N, C-alpha and C. Protein backbone atom coordinates (compact mmCIF):
# COMPACT_ATOMS: atom_id res chain seq x y z
N MET A 1 -3.44 6.21 -8.26
CA MET A 1 -3.88 6.57 -6.94
C MET A 1 -3.78 5.42 -6.01
N LYS A 2 -3.17 5.45 -4.85
CA LYS A 2 -3.00 4.46 -3.94
C LYS A 2 -4.23 4.42 -2.99
N ALA A 3 -4.67 3.14 -2.60
CA ALA A 3 -5.73 2.88 -1.74
C ALA A 3 -5.42 1.94 -0.70
N LEU A 4 -6.15 1.98 0.37
CA LEU A 4 -5.95 1.00 1.45
C LEU A 4 -7.37 0.52 1.81
N SER A 5 -7.54 -0.78 1.81
CA SER A 5 -8.87 -1.41 2.09
C SER A 5 -8.96 -1.54 3.58
N VAL A 6 -10.05 -1.11 4.22
CA VAL A 6 -10.30 -1.17 5.61
C VAL A 6 -11.76 -1.61 5.78
N ARG A 7 -11.91 -2.54 6.63
CA ARG A 7 -13.33 -3.05 6.86
C ARG A 7 -14.13 -2.03 7.56
N GLN A 8 -15.35 -2.00 7.46
CA GLN A 8 -16.33 -1.23 8.21
C GLN A 8 -16.52 -1.88 9.52
N PRO A 9 -16.74 -1.10 10.53
CA PRO A 9 -17.07 0.31 10.63
C PRO A 9 -15.75 1.11 10.82
N TRP A 10 -14.58 0.46 10.77
CA TRP A 10 -13.34 1.15 10.92
C TRP A 10 -13.11 2.23 9.87
N ALA A 11 -13.43 1.93 8.59
CA ALA A 11 -13.25 2.90 7.47
C ALA A 11 -14.14 4.21 7.81
N TRP A 12 -15.39 3.96 8.21
CA TRP A 12 -16.20 5.10 8.61
C TRP A 12 -15.52 5.92 9.63
N LEU A 13 -15.05 5.32 10.69
CA LEU A 13 -14.42 5.96 11.86
C LEU A 13 -13.21 6.74 11.42
N ILE A 14 -12.40 6.25 10.46
CA ILE A 14 -11.24 6.96 9.99
C ILE A 14 -11.62 8.14 9.19
N VAL A 15 -12.47 8.00 8.15
CA VAL A 15 -12.69 9.14 7.25
C VAL A 15 -13.45 10.25 7.88
N ASN A 16 -14.22 9.91 8.98
CA ASN A 16 -14.99 10.94 9.71
C ASN A 16 -14.15 11.46 10.84
N GLY A 17 -12.82 11.28 10.88
CA GLY A 17 -11.97 11.90 11.87
C GLY A 17 -12.06 11.36 13.29
N HIS A 18 -12.53 10.14 13.60
CA HIS A 18 -12.59 9.68 14.89
C HIS A 18 -11.51 8.72 15.24
N LYS A 19 -10.99 7.95 14.30
CA LYS A 19 -10.00 6.95 14.54
C LYS A 19 -8.70 7.42 13.75
N ASP A 20 -7.69 7.66 14.58
CA ASP A 20 -6.41 8.23 14.02
C ASP A 20 -5.33 7.21 13.69
N ILE A 21 -5.64 5.96 14.02
CA ILE A 21 -4.72 4.90 13.74
C ILE A 21 -5.39 3.69 12.99
N GLU A 22 -4.79 3.23 11.94
CA GLU A 22 -5.22 1.98 11.34
C GLU A 22 -4.19 0.88 11.62
N ASN A 23 -4.67 -0.11 12.35
CA ASN A 23 -3.81 -1.18 12.82
C ASN A 23 -3.52 -2.25 11.80
N ARG A 24 -2.29 -2.63 11.58
CA ARG A 24 -1.87 -3.72 10.67
C ARG A 24 -0.83 -4.63 11.35
N THR A 25 -0.70 -5.77 10.80
CA THR A 25 0.35 -6.74 11.27
C THR A 25 1.66 -6.49 10.57
N TRP A 26 1.62 -5.51 9.63
CA TRP A 26 2.93 -5.29 8.81
C TRP A 26 3.15 -3.72 8.84
N PRO A 27 4.50 -3.40 8.83
CA PRO A 27 4.79 -1.97 8.85
C PRO A 27 4.74 -1.40 7.42
N THR A 28 4.81 -0.15 7.23
CA THR A 28 4.87 0.53 5.88
C THR A 28 5.81 1.78 6.03
N ARG A 29 6.46 2.03 4.90
CA ARG A 29 7.22 3.22 4.81
C ARG A 29 6.41 4.30 4.05
N PHE A 30 5.29 3.95 3.54
CA PHE A 30 4.47 4.83 2.75
C PHE A 30 3.99 6.06 3.60
N ARG A 31 4.21 7.19 3.07
CA ARG A 31 3.62 8.43 3.69
C ARG A 31 2.92 9.25 2.61
N GLY A 32 1.82 9.80 2.91
CA GLY A 32 1.05 10.63 1.95
C GLY A 32 -0.34 10.26 1.95
N ARG A 33 -1.00 10.93 0.95
CA ARG A 33 -2.44 10.87 0.76
C ARG A 33 -2.79 9.45 0.28
N VAL A 34 -3.80 8.86 0.86
CA VAL A 34 -4.29 7.55 0.45
C VAL A 34 -5.76 7.54 0.37
N LEU A 35 -6.36 6.79 -0.54
CA LEU A 35 -7.75 6.63 -0.58
C LEU A 35 -8.16 5.60 0.37
N ILE A 36 -9.29 5.72 1.08
CA ILE A 36 -9.78 4.71 2.01
C ILE A 36 -10.86 3.94 1.33
N HIS A 37 -10.62 2.64 1.18
CA HIS A 37 -11.61 1.70 0.51
C HIS A 37 -12.29 0.94 1.71
N ALA A 38 -13.54 0.99 1.68
CA ALA A 38 -14.31 0.14 2.64
C ALA A 38 -14.58 -1.24 2.03
N GLY A 39 -14.10 -2.32 2.71
CA GLY A 39 -14.18 -3.61 2.24
C GLY A 39 -15.64 -4.01 2.07
N LYS A 40 -15.89 -4.94 1.18
CA LYS A 40 -17.26 -5.40 0.84
C LYS A 40 -17.94 -6.18 1.98
N THR A 41 -17.14 -6.93 2.73
CA THR A 41 -17.79 -7.69 3.77
C THR A 41 -17.65 -7.06 5.16
N MET A 42 -18.64 -7.31 6.01
CA MET A 42 -18.69 -6.90 7.38
C MET A 42 -19.73 -7.81 8.12
N THR A 43 -19.22 -8.50 9.07
CA THR A 43 -20.07 -9.29 9.82
C THR A 43 -20.75 -8.56 10.96
N ARG A 44 -21.79 -9.15 11.50
CA ARG A 44 -22.41 -8.54 12.69
C ARG A 44 -21.42 -8.30 13.78
N ASP A 45 -20.63 -9.33 14.05
CA ASP A 45 -19.53 -9.31 15.10
C ASP A 45 -18.60 -8.17 14.84
N GLU A 46 -18.21 -7.89 13.55
CA GLU A 46 -17.19 -6.91 13.33
C GLU A 46 -17.87 -5.59 13.63
N TYR A 47 -19.06 -5.41 13.23
CA TYR A 47 -19.83 -4.16 13.51
C TYR A 47 -19.89 -3.95 14.99
N ASP A 48 -20.32 -4.94 15.72
CA ASP A 48 -20.51 -4.82 17.23
C ASP A 48 -19.21 -4.59 17.89
N ASP A 49 -18.06 -5.22 17.42
CA ASP A 49 -16.72 -4.95 17.95
C ASP A 49 -16.28 -3.51 17.64
N GLY A 50 -16.64 -3.01 16.39
CA GLY A 50 -16.29 -1.63 16.25
C GLY A 50 -16.94 -0.61 17.11
N LEU A 51 -18.24 -0.85 17.27
CA LEU A 51 -19.04 0.00 18.15
C LEU A 51 -18.57 -0.12 19.59
N ALA A 52 -18.29 -1.34 20.08
CA ALA A 52 -17.79 -1.56 21.46
C ALA A 52 -16.45 -0.88 21.61
N THR A 53 -15.50 -1.03 20.65
CA THR A 53 -14.19 -0.38 20.76
C THR A 53 -14.31 1.14 20.75
N ALA A 54 -15.11 1.63 19.82
CA ALA A 54 -15.36 3.09 19.81
C ALA A 54 -15.79 3.67 21.21
N MET A 55 -16.79 2.97 21.76
CA MET A 55 -17.29 3.33 23.06
C MET A 55 -16.23 3.28 24.18
N HIS A 56 -15.39 2.23 24.06
CA HIS A 56 -14.36 2.01 25.10
C HIS A 56 -13.31 3.05 25.03
N VAL A 57 -12.99 3.73 23.90
CA VAL A 57 -12.04 4.77 23.80
C VAL A 57 -12.61 6.15 24.01
N GLY A 58 -13.96 6.17 24.22
CA GLY A 58 -14.58 7.47 24.61
C GLY A 58 -15.38 8.05 23.52
N TYR A 59 -15.64 7.43 22.46
CA TYR A 59 -16.42 7.91 21.36
C TYR A 59 -17.93 7.85 21.79
N ARG A 60 -18.59 8.96 21.80
CA ARG A 60 -19.98 9.01 22.30
C ARG A 60 -20.93 9.67 21.34
N SER A 61 -20.47 9.87 20.07
CA SER A 61 -21.37 10.52 19.11
C SER A 61 -22.12 9.62 18.22
N PHE A 62 -22.69 10.11 17.19
CA PHE A 62 -23.50 9.31 16.27
C PHE A 62 -22.67 8.15 15.68
N PHE A 63 -23.17 7.02 15.67
CA PHE A 63 -22.58 5.85 15.06
C PHE A 63 -23.62 5.26 14.13
N PRO A 64 -23.30 5.14 12.82
CA PRO A 64 -24.35 4.78 11.83
C PRO A 64 -24.79 3.28 12.05
N PRO A 65 -26.06 3.11 11.77
CA PRO A 65 -26.49 1.68 11.80
C PRO A 65 -25.70 0.89 10.75
N ARG A 66 -25.62 -0.34 11.03
CA ARG A 66 -24.85 -1.34 10.23
C ARG A 66 -25.27 -1.24 8.67
N GLU A 67 -26.53 -1.24 8.46
CA GLU A 67 -27.00 -1.24 7.07
C GLU A 67 -26.72 0.01 6.31
N GLN A 68 -26.37 1.12 6.97
CA GLN A 68 -26.05 2.41 6.38
C GLN A 68 -24.62 2.60 6.03
N LEU A 69 -23.71 1.73 6.41
CA LEU A 69 -22.36 1.83 6.12
C LEU A 69 -22.04 1.32 4.73
N GLU A 70 -21.44 2.23 3.88
CA GLU A 70 -21.15 1.92 2.51
C GLU A 70 -19.94 0.91 2.47
N ARG A 71 -20.16 -0.03 1.60
CA ARG A 71 -19.11 -1.06 1.45
C ARG A 71 -18.85 -1.47 -0.03
N GLY A 72 -17.55 -1.91 -0.26
CA GLY A 72 -17.24 -2.22 -1.61
C GLY A 72 -16.76 -1.08 -2.51
N GLY A 73 -16.19 -0.10 -1.81
CA GLY A 73 -15.75 1.10 -2.62
C GLY A 73 -14.93 2.16 -1.88
N ILE A 74 -14.51 3.16 -2.56
CA ILE A 74 -13.87 4.23 -1.98
C ILE A 74 -14.78 5.11 -1.14
N VAL A 75 -14.52 5.36 0.10
CA VAL A 75 -15.39 6.26 0.92
C VAL A 75 -14.73 7.39 1.49
N GLY A 76 -13.45 7.62 1.28
CA GLY A 76 -12.76 8.76 1.77
C GLY A 76 -11.27 8.82 1.49
N VAL A 77 -10.61 9.79 2.04
CA VAL A 77 -9.14 9.97 1.84
C VAL A 77 -8.51 10.36 3.25
N ALA A 78 -7.29 10.06 3.44
CA ALA A 78 -6.58 10.40 4.60
C ALA A 78 -5.12 10.52 4.32
N THR A 79 -4.36 11.07 5.15
CA THR A 79 -2.89 11.15 4.93
C THR A 79 -2.12 10.25 5.95
N ILE A 80 -1.38 9.33 5.54
CA ILE A 80 -0.55 8.57 6.43
C ILE A 80 0.71 9.33 6.75
N VAL A 81 0.93 9.67 8.06
CA VAL A 81 2.02 10.60 8.46
C VAL A 81 3.01 9.71 9.25
N ASP A 82 2.76 8.58 9.63
CA ASP A 82 3.71 7.79 10.41
C ASP A 82 3.32 6.37 10.51
N CYS A 83 4.25 5.53 10.85
CA CYS A 83 3.94 4.10 11.18
C CYS A 83 4.54 3.79 12.53
N LEU A 84 3.71 3.52 13.48
CA LEU A 84 4.11 3.31 14.91
C LEU A 84 4.39 1.86 15.02
N PRO A 85 5.44 1.54 15.87
CA PRO A 85 5.78 0.15 16.08
C PRO A 85 4.83 -0.45 17.15
N PRO A 86 4.70 -1.76 17.19
CA PRO A 86 3.88 -2.44 18.20
C PRO A 86 4.29 -1.88 19.55
N GLY A 87 3.35 -1.63 20.46
CA GLY A 87 3.61 -1.32 21.86
C GLY A 87 3.82 0.27 21.98
N ALA A 88 3.65 1.09 20.94
CA ALA A 88 3.99 2.50 21.06
C ALA A 88 2.95 3.16 21.89
N ASP A 89 1.74 2.73 21.98
CA ASP A 89 0.75 3.31 22.76
C ASP A 89 0.48 4.79 22.57
N ALA A 90 0.60 5.32 21.36
CA ALA A 90 0.46 6.74 21.16
C ALA A 90 -0.94 7.20 20.94
N SER A 91 -1.91 6.20 20.85
CA SER A 91 -3.26 6.56 20.59
C SER A 91 -4.10 5.41 21.22
N GLN A 92 -5.28 5.85 21.72
CA GLN A 92 -6.25 4.82 22.25
C GLN A 92 -6.64 3.82 21.17
N TRP A 93 -6.53 4.15 19.95
CA TRP A 93 -6.97 3.35 18.74
C TRP A 93 -5.83 2.34 18.44
N HIS A 94 -4.64 2.51 18.95
CA HIS A 94 -3.52 1.62 18.55
C HIS A 94 -3.60 0.31 19.36
N ALA A 95 -3.76 -0.79 18.54
CA ALA A 95 -3.73 -2.10 19.19
C ALA A 95 -2.24 -2.42 19.49
N HIS A 96 -2.07 -2.73 20.82
CA HIS A 96 -0.68 -2.92 21.34
C HIS A 96 0.31 -3.78 20.56
N GLU A 97 -0.32 -4.87 19.98
CA GLU A 97 0.59 -5.79 19.34
C GLU A 97 0.77 -5.58 17.82
N GLN A 98 0.20 -4.48 17.30
CA GLN A 98 0.25 -4.19 15.82
C GLN A 98 0.95 -2.93 15.46
N PHE A 99 1.34 -2.77 14.24
CA PHE A 99 1.84 -1.55 13.72
C PHE A 99 0.60 -0.61 13.54
N GLY A 100 0.81 0.72 13.76
CA GLY A 100 -0.19 1.64 13.69
C GLY A 100 0.11 2.69 12.65
N PHE A 101 -0.72 2.67 11.57
CA PHE A 101 -0.51 3.74 10.49
C PHE A 101 -1.27 4.95 11.06
N ARG A 102 -0.57 6.00 11.38
CA ARG A 102 -1.18 7.22 11.89
C ARG A 102 -1.70 8.05 10.80
N MET A 103 -3.04 8.30 10.92
CA MET A 103 -3.84 9.01 9.93
C MET A 103 -4.00 10.43 10.35
N ALA A 104 -3.98 11.39 9.32
CA ALA A 104 -4.23 12.77 9.50
C ALA A 104 -5.07 13.30 8.39
N ASP A 105 -5.65 14.47 8.56
CA ASP A 105 -6.43 15.05 7.50
C ASP A 105 -7.44 14.17 6.80
N PRO A 106 -8.25 13.39 7.60
CA PRO A 106 -9.23 12.51 6.90
C PRO A 106 -10.42 13.31 6.38
N LYS A 107 -11.01 12.71 5.37
CA LYS A 107 -12.22 13.35 4.70
C LYS A 107 -13.06 12.31 4.02
N PRO A 108 -14.34 12.26 4.35
CA PRO A 108 -15.20 11.41 3.56
C PRO A 108 -15.47 11.94 2.17
N ILE A 109 -15.66 11.09 1.19
CA ILE A 109 -15.92 11.54 -0.17
C ILE A 109 -17.15 10.69 -0.65
N PRO A 110 -17.79 11.25 -1.69
CA PRO A 110 -18.85 10.43 -2.21
C PRO A 110 -18.47 9.04 -2.66
N PHE A 111 -19.26 8.01 -2.32
CA PHE A 111 -18.90 6.64 -2.58
C PHE A 111 -18.69 6.36 -4.06
N VAL A 112 -17.59 5.64 -4.33
CA VAL A 112 -17.13 5.18 -5.68
C VAL A 112 -16.98 3.63 -5.63
N GLU A 113 -17.82 2.94 -6.25
CA GLU A 113 -17.63 1.47 -6.19
C GLU A 113 -16.23 1.09 -6.78
N CYS A 114 -15.62 0.09 -6.08
CA CYS A 114 -14.29 -0.29 -6.49
C CYS A 114 -13.97 -1.52 -5.80
N LYS A 115 -13.32 -2.47 -6.55
CA LYS A 115 -12.86 -3.74 -5.89
C LYS A 115 -11.71 -3.48 -5.07
N GLY A 116 -11.59 -4.06 -3.90
CA GLY A 116 -10.50 -3.85 -3.02
C GLY A 116 -9.37 -4.88 -3.26
N ALA A 117 -8.28 -4.81 -2.53
CA ALA A 117 -7.13 -5.68 -2.54
C ALA A 117 -6.40 -5.62 -1.31
N LEU A 118 -5.54 -6.58 -1.01
CA LEU A 118 -4.72 -6.64 0.17
C LEU A 118 -3.60 -5.51 0.10
N GLY A 119 -3.22 -4.98 1.15
CA GLY A 119 -2.17 -4.05 1.17
C GLY A 119 -2.54 -2.73 0.46
N PHE A 120 -1.55 -1.95 0.14
CA PHE A 120 -1.81 -0.76 -0.67
C PHE A 120 -2.02 -1.24 -2.17
N PHE A 121 -3.03 -0.57 -2.80
CA PHE A 121 -3.18 -0.94 -4.16
C PHE A 121 -3.54 0.22 -4.98
N ASP A 122 -3.26 0.11 -6.31
CA ASP A 122 -3.63 1.22 -7.23
C ASP A 122 -5.11 0.92 -7.68
N VAL A 123 -5.85 2.07 -7.60
CA VAL A 123 -7.23 1.86 -8.07
C VAL A 123 -7.28 1.74 -9.63
N PRO A 124 -8.24 1.09 -10.24
CA PRO A 124 -8.26 0.99 -11.60
C PRO A 124 -8.47 2.32 -12.27
N ALA A 125 -7.99 2.40 -13.53
CA ALA A 125 -7.96 3.74 -14.25
C ALA A 125 -9.31 4.35 -14.32
N ALA A 126 -10.41 3.57 -14.43
CA ALA A 126 -11.73 4.13 -14.54
C ALA A 126 -12.16 4.81 -13.19
N VAL A 127 -11.71 4.16 -12.15
CA VAL A 127 -12.08 4.71 -10.80
C VAL A 127 -11.39 6.03 -10.56
N ALA A 128 -10.03 5.92 -10.90
CA ALA A 128 -9.20 7.14 -10.78
C ALA A 128 -9.69 8.34 -11.57
N GLU A 129 -10.18 8.04 -12.76
CA GLU A 129 -10.76 9.12 -13.66
C GLU A 129 -12.05 9.64 -12.97
N GLN A 130 -12.87 8.75 -12.52
CA GLN A 130 -14.05 9.15 -11.86
C GLN A 130 -13.80 10.08 -10.60
N LEU A 131 -12.76 9.77 -9.83
CA LEU A 131 -12.34 10.53 -8.71
C LEU A 131 -11.82 11.88 -9.19
N ARG A 132 -11.01 11.88 -10.27
CA ARG A 132 -10.47 13.21 -10.76
C ARG A 132 -11.62 14.10 -11.18
N GLN A 133 -12.61 13.56 -11.87
CA GLN A 133 -13.75 14.42 -12.27
C GLN A 133 -14.51 14.93 -11.12
N MET A 134 -14.72 14.11 -10.06
CA MET A 134 -15.32 14.56 -8.84
C MET A 134 -14.57 15.71 -8.13
N HIS A 135 -13.22 15.58 -8.26
CA HIS A 135 -12.40 16.66 -7.66
C HIS A 135 -12.60 17.92 -8.50
N GLU A 136 -12.59 17.81 -9.78
CA GLU A 136 -12.71 18.96 -10.63
C GLU A 136 -14.10 19.66 -10.42
N LEU A 137 -15.07 18.88 -10.12
CA LEU A 137 -16.37 19.52 -9.85
C LEU A 137 -16.58 20.01 -8.50
N GLY A 138 -15.57 19.78 -7.63
CA GLY A 138 -15.59 20.33 -6.24
C GLY A 138 -16.18 19.29 -5.22
N ALA A 139 -16.46 18.04 -5.63
CA ALA A 139 -17.05 17.06 -4.74
C ALA A 139 -15.90 16.60 -3.81
N ILE A 140 -14.69 16.69 -4.22
CA ILE A 140 -13.50 16.29 -3.45
C ILE A 140 -12.64 17.44 -3.34
N THR A 141 -12.25 17.86 -2.19
CA THR A 141 -11.24 19.03 -2.06
C THR A 141 -10.10 18.54 -1.38
């Protein structure tokens, strides 16, 4: 199972259907379902920047307090449907100078602790098995 590590609060915004683009300095040809991994670290400035950016693009709903954001594991799934070039401006979430991975069908899932990695990575076998069992029990659809 492929995963992509995203720092909080961006991971929360993606899996809860608010942020439709994940910005990266590199392009991808990958298309399909991907696990969203919330990175272990998040500074106060990163949290504040996420909140300010969300408000700037018009997000006005509930935003979880910093201490409630889960970190260091799988927090959801989404489907990568496209990779937009820098300057495409197809979404308010797309940083002008970066590639934008367009996300669709996001869904939060129960937290599963997992070490992250750079780029796309395969989750360890034990994590994949835990996710399969959760799916079979209906916790992940």
